[in-house]
């Protein structure tokens, strides 16, 4: 978890990517390297916009991103994107 609200959380990306790369029993260097690159890219995007993301969205999505334990910046970024879009496009329903 982040020490300060305006700081992006620190996740154990190496452990997350090792877990992903080991799915299926055999460790895959291709999957691991791709995972690390994807996480780095997501982290870089989030770092520049983190302070402007509403606190409630940050907290909710940080919980989602750490559901596996070690955390994922790509999951965090995806969650933030979906939450932001959902807030901008609230659906109305009719239960007639």
N, C-alpha and C. Protein backbone atom coordinates (compact mmCIF):
# COMPACT_ATOMS: atom_id res chain seq x y z
N UNK A 1 0.83 -1.19 0.00
CA UNK A 1 0.00 0.00 0.00
C UNK A 1 0.88 1.26 0.00
N UNK A 2 0.35 2.31 -0.53
CA UNK A 2 1.10 3.56 -0.63
C UNK A 2 1.22 4.20 0.74
N UNK A 3 2.36 4.80 1.00
CA UNK A 3 2.56 5.49 2.26
C UNK A 3 1.75 6.77 2.32
N UNK A 4 1.61 7.44 1.21
CA UNK A 4 0.86 8.69 1.12
C UNK A 4 -0.14 8.55 -0.01
N UNK A 5 -1.30 9.20 0.14
CA UNK A 5 -2.38 9.06 -0.84
C UNK A 5 -1.96 9.49 -2.24
N UNK A 6 -1.04 10.44 -2.34
CA UNK A 6 -0.66 10.94 -3.66
C UNK A 6 0.48 10.14 -4.29
N UNK A 7 0.93 9.09 -3.62
CA UNK A 7 1.98 8.24 -4.17
C UNK A 7 1.38 6.96 -4.72
N UNK A 8 1.84 6.56 -5.88
CA UNK A 8 1.37 5.31 -6.48
C UNK A 8 1.79 4.15 -5.57
N UNK A 9 0.93 3.16 -5.39
CA UNK A 9 1.31 2.05 -4.51
C UNK A 9 2.48 1.26 -5.07
N UNK A 10 3.20 0.60 -4.18
CA UNK A 10 4.32 -0.25 -4.58
C UNK A 10 3.87 -1.70 -4.56
N UNK A 11 3.93 -2.34 -5.72
CA UNK A 11 3.54 -3.74 -5.83
C UNK A 11 4.78 -4.59 -6.08
N UNK A 12 4.70 -5.85 -5.69
CA UNK A 12 5.77 -6.82 -5.92
C UNK A 12 5.54 -7.46 -7.30
N UNK A 13 5.88 -6.72 -8.33
CA UNK A 13 5.62 -7.13 -9.71
C UNK A 13 6.39 -8.39 -10.08
N UNK A 14 7.60 -8.54 -9.58
CA UNK A 14 8.39 -9.73 -9.90
C UNK A 14 7.67 -11.00 -9.45
N UNK A 15 7.15 -10.98 -8.22
CA UNK A 15 6.42 -12.14 -7.71
C UNK A 15 5.16 -12.39 -8.52
N UNK A 16 4.44 -11.32 -8.85
CA UNK A 16 3.23 -11.44 -9.66
C UNK A 16 3.55 -12.08 -11.01
N UNK A 17 4.60 -11.60 -11.66
CA UNK A 17 4.95 -12.11 -12.98
C UNK A 17 5.51 -13.53 -12.91
N UNK A 18 6.21 -13.87 -11.84
CA UNK A 18 6.67 -15.25 -11.65
C UNK A 18 5.48 -16.19 -11.52
N UNK A 19 4.45 -15.75 -10.79
CA UNK A 19 3.25 -16.56 -10.63
C UNK A 19 2.56 -16.77 -11.99
N UNK A 20 2.42 -15.70 -12.75
CA UNK A 20 1.78 -15.79 -14.06
C UNK A 20 2.60 -16.67 -15.00
N UNK A 21 3.92 -16.50 -14.98
CA UNK A 21 4.80 -17.27 -15.87
C UNK A 21 4.86 -18.75 -15.52
N UNK A 22 4.44 -19.10 -14.31
CA UNK A 22 4.48 -20.49 -13.87
C UNK A 22 3.16 -21.22 -14.03
N UNK A 23 2.14 -20.53 -14.51
CA UNK A 23 0.84 -21.19 -14.72
C UNK A 23 1.04 -22.32 -15.73
N UNK A 24 0.54 -23.46 -15.42
CA UNK A 24 0.70 -24.62 -16.30
C UNK A 24 1.85 -25.52 -15.87
N UNK A 25 2.56 -25.13 -14.82
CA UNK A 25 3.60 -25.99 -14.28
C UNK A 25 5.02 -25.68 -14.73
N UNK A 26 5.21 -25.24 -15.94
CA UNK A 26 6.54 -24.91 -16.46
C UNK A 26 6.71 -23.39 -16.46
N UNK A 27 7.88 -22.92 -16.03
CA UNK A 27 8.16 -21.49 -16.05
C UNK A 27 8.44 -21.05 -17.48
N UNK A 28 7.81 -19.95 -17.89
CA UNK A 28 8.00 -19.41 -19.24
C UNK A 28 8.70 -18.06 -19.17
N UNK A 29 9.93 -18.00 -19.69
CA UNK A 29 10.65 -16.73 -19.74
C UNK A 29 9.95 -15.71 -20.64
N UNK A 30 9.35 -16.18 -21.72
CA UNK A 30 8.62 -15.28 -22.63
C UNK A 30 7.47 -14.61 -21.89
N UNK A 31 6.71 -15.41 -21.16
CA UNK A 31 5.58 -14.86 -20.40
C UNK A 31 6.07 -13.93 -19.30
N UNK A 32 7.13 -14.32 -18.59
CA UNK A 32 7.67 -13.48 -17.52
C UNK A 32 8.13 -12.14 -18.07
N UNK A 33 8.93 -12.16 -19.13
CA UNK A 33 9.44 -10.91 -19.70
C UNK A 33 8.31 -10.03 -20.22
N UNK A 34 7.33 -10.64 -20.87
CA UNK A 34 6.18 -9.89 -21.36
C UNK A 34 5.39 -9.27 -20.23
N UNK A 35 5.24 -10.02 -19.15
CA UNK A 35 4.53 -9.53 -17.97
C UNK A 35 5.26 -8.33 -17.37
N UNK A 36 6.57 -8.45 -17.20
CA UNK A 36 7.36 -7.35 -16.64
C UNK A 36 7.24 -6.11 -17.51
N UNK A 37 7.34 -6.27 -18.82
CA UNK A 37 7.20 -5.13 -19.74
C UNK A 37 5.82 -4.49 -19.63
N UNK A 38 4.79 -5.31 -19.56
CA UNK A 38 3.42 -4.80 -19.45
C UNK A 38 3.22 -4.05 -18.13
N UNK A 39 3.76 -4.60 -17.05
CA UNK A 39 3.64 -3.95 -15.74
C UNK A 39 4.41 -2.63 -15.71
N UNK A 40 5.60 -2.61 -16.31
CA UNK A 40 6.39 -1.37 -16.35
C UNK A 40 5.66 -0.29 -17.13
N UNK A 41 5.10 -0.66 -18.26
CA UNK A 41 4.35 0.29 -19.08
C UNK A 41 3.14 0.84 -18.32
N UNK A 42 2.41 -0.04 -17.65
CA UNK A 42 1.24 0.39 -16.87
C UNK A 42 1.68 1.30 -15.72
N UNK A 43 2.77 0.95 -15.04
CA UNK A 43 3.28 1.78 -13.95
C UNK A 43 3.65 3.17 -14.46
N UNK A 44 4.34 3.24 -15.59
CA UNK A 44 4.75 4.53 -16.14
C UNK A 44 3.55 5.41 -16.45
N UNK A 45 2.49 4.83 -17.02
CA UNK A 45 1.27 5.60 -17.32
C UNK A 45 0.62 6.10 -16.03
N UNK A 46 0.49 5.20 -15.06
CA UNK A 46 -0.18 5.55 -13.81
C UNK A 46 0.59 6.59 -13.01
N UNK A 47 1.90 6.49 -13.03
CA UNK A 47 2.73 7.40 -12.24
C UNK A 47 2.46 8.86 -12.60
N UNK A 48 2.28 9.14 -13.88
CA UNK A 48 2.09 10.52 -14.31
C UNK A 48 0.69 11.06 -14.00
N UNK A 49 -0.29 10.19 -13.81
CA UNK A 49 -1.66 10.65 -13.59
C UNK A 49 -2.21 10.33 -12.20
N UNK A 50 -1.44 9.65 -11.37
CA UNK A 50 -1.93 9.14 -10.09
C UNK A 50 -2.58 10.21 -9.22
N UNK A 51 -1.95 11.36 -9.06
CA UNK A 51 -2.47 12.39 -8.16
C UNK A 51 -3.82 12.94 -8.63
N UNK A 52 -4.13 12.83 -9.91
CA UNK A 52 -5.40 13.37 -10.43
C UNK A 52 -6.55 12.36 -10.38
N UNK A 53 -6.28 11.13 -9.99
CA UNK A 53 -7.32 10.10 -9.92
C UNK A 53 -8.04 10.25 -8.58
N UNK A 54 -9.38 10.28 -8.60
CA UNK A 54 -10.12 10.43 -7.34
C UNK A 54 -9.73 9.37 -6.30
N UNK A 55 -9.64 9.79 -5.05
CA UNK A 55 -9.21 8.91 -3.97
C UNK A 55 -10.03 7.64 -3.84
N UNK A 56 -11.34 7.75 -3.99
CA UNK A 56 -12.20 6.57 -3.89
C UNK A 56 -11.90 5.55 -4.96
N UNK A 57 -11.64 6.02 -6.16
CA UNK A 57 -11.29 5.14 -7.28
C UNK A 57 -9.94 4.49 -7.01
N UNK A 58 -8.98 5.27 -6.53
CA UNK A 58 -7.66 4.71 -6.21
C UNK A 58 -7.76 3.60 -5.18
N UNK A 59 -8.51 3.87 -4.10
CA UNK A 59 -8.63 2.87 -3.03
C UNK A 59 -9.32 1.60 -3.53
N UNK A 60 -10.44 1.77 -4.23
CA UNK A 60 -11.18 0.61 -4.75
C UNK A 60 -10.31 -0.21 -5.68
N UNK A 61 -9.64 0.46 -6.60
CA UNK A 61 -8.86 -0.25 -7.60
C UNK A 61 -7.58 -0.84 -7.03
N UNK A 62 -7.03 -0.23 -6.00
CA UNK A 62 -5.87 -0.82 -5.34
C UNK A 62 -6.25 -2.15 -4.69
N UNK A 63 -7.45 -2.21 -4.12
CA UNK A 63 -7.95 -3.47 -3.55
C UNK A 63 -8.09 -4.53 -4.65
N UNK A 64 -8.67 -4.13 -5.78
CA UNK A 64 -8.84 -5.06 -6.90
C UNK A 64 -7.48 -5.54 -7.40
N UNK A 65 -6.53 -4.63 -7.53
CA UNK A 65 -5.21 -4.95 -8.09
C UNK A 65 -4.38 -5.86 -7.19
N UNK A 66 -4.71 -5.92 -5.91
CA UNK A 66 -3.93 -6.74 -4.98
C UNK A 66 -4.67 -8.00 -4.54
N UNK A 67 -5.74 -8.34 -5.23
CA UNK A 67 -6.53 -9.51 -4.82
C UNK A 67 -5.71 -10.80 -4.87
N UNK A 68 -4.70 -10.87 -5.74
CA UNK A 68 -3.84 -12.06 -5.79
C UNK A 68 -2.71 -12.00 -4.78
N UNK A 69 -2.56 -10.89 -4.09
CA UNK A 69 -1.55 -10.75 -3.06
C UNK A 69 -0.43 -9.80 -3.40
N UNK A 70 0.22 -9.98 -4.55
CA UNK A 70 1.40 -9.19 -4.86
C UNK A 70 1.10 -7.90 -5.62
N UNK A 71 0.01 -7.83 -6.32
CA UNK A 71 -0.40 -6.60 -7.00
C UNK A 71 0.02 -6.53 -8.45
N UNK A 72 -0.80 -5.82 -9.22
CA UNK A 72 -0.56 -5.67 -10.65
C UNK A 72 -0.91 -4.26 -11.10
N UNK A 73 0.06 -3.57 -11.69
CA UNK A 73 -0.19 -2.22 -12.21
C UNK A 73 -1.11 -2.25 -13.43
N UNK A 74 -1.04 -3.30 -14.23
CA UNK A 74 -1.93 -3.38 -15.39
C UNK A 74 -3.37 -3.59 -14.93
N UNK A 75 -3.58 -4.39 -13.89
CA UNK A 75 -4.92 -4.55 -13.34
C UNK A 75 -5.39 -3.25 -12.71
N UNK A 76 -4.51 -2.58 -12.00
CA UNK A 76 -4.84 -1.29 -11.39
C UNK A 76 -5.26 -0.28 -12.45
N UNK A 77 -4.48 -0.19 -13.52
CA UNK A 77 -4.79 0.75 -14.59
C UNK A 77 -6.10 0.42 -15.28
N UNK A 78 -6.34 -0.86 -15.53
CA UNK A 78 -7.59 -1.27 -16.16
C UNK A 78 -8.80 -0.95 -15.29
N UNK A 79 -8.67 -1.19 -14.00
CA UNK A 79 -9.74 -0.89 -13.07
C UNK A 79 -10.03 0.61 -13.04
N UNK A 80 -8.99 1.42 -12.97
CA UNK A 80 -9.16 2.88 -12.94
C UNK A 80 -9.85 3.35 -14.22
N UNK A 81 -9.43 2.82 -15.34
CA UNK A 81 -10.04 3.20 -16.61
C UNK A 81 -11.53 2.85 -16.63
N UNK A 82 -11.87 1.64 -16.19
CA UNK A 82 -13.28 1.23 -16.19
C UNK A 82 -14.10 2.03 -15.19
N UNK A 83 -13.55 2.28 -14.00
CA UNK A 83 -14.27 3.07 -13.00
C UNK A 83 -14.52 4.49 -13.49
N UNK A 84 -13.53 5.08 -14.12
CA UNK A 84 -13.65 6.44 -14.64
C UNK A 84 -14.69 6.50 -15.74
N UNK A 85 -14.65 5.55 -16.66
CA UNK A 85 -15.64 5.51 -17.74
C UNK A 85 -17.04 5.27 -17.19
N UNK A 86 -17.17 4.41 -16.21
CA UNK A 86 -18.48 4.13 -15.63
C UNK A 86 -19.05 5.36 -14.94
N UNK A 87 -18.20 6.13 -14.27
CA UNK A 87 -18.66 7.35 -13.61
C UNK A 87 -19.13 8.38 -14.62
N UNK A 88 -18.49 8.41 -15.77
CA UNK A 88 -18.85 9.36 -16.82
C UNK A 88 -20.08 8.93 -17.61
N UNK A 89 -20.43 7.66 -17.57
CA UNK A 89 -21.53 7.12 -18.38
C UNK A 89 -22.47 6.28 -17.54
N UNK A 90 -23.05 6.90 -16.54
CA UNK A 90 -23.97 6.15 -15.68
C UNK A 90 -25.16 5.66 -16.47
N UNK A 91 -25.45 4.40 -16.28
CA UNK A 91 -26.57 3.78 -16.97
C UNK A 91 -27.86 4.04 -16.20
N UNK A 92 -28.94 4.19 -16.93
CA UNK A 92 -30.24 4.27 -16.29
C UNK A 92 -31.01 3.01 -16.66
N UNK A 93 -31.73 2.49 -15.72
CA UNK A 93 -32.47 1.26 -15.92
C UNK A 93 -33.93 1.49 -15.61
N UNK A 94 -34.77 0.73 -16.25
CA UNK A 94 -36.20 0.77 -16.01
C UNK A 94 -36.65 -0.64 -15.66
N UNK A 95 -37.19 -0.79 -14.48
CA UNK A 95 -37.63 -2.10 -14.03
C UNK A 95 -39.15 -2.19 -14.09
N UNK A 96 -39.69 -1.89 -15.27
CA UNK A 96 -41.14 -1.92 -15.48
C UNK A 96 -41.65 -3.33 -15.56
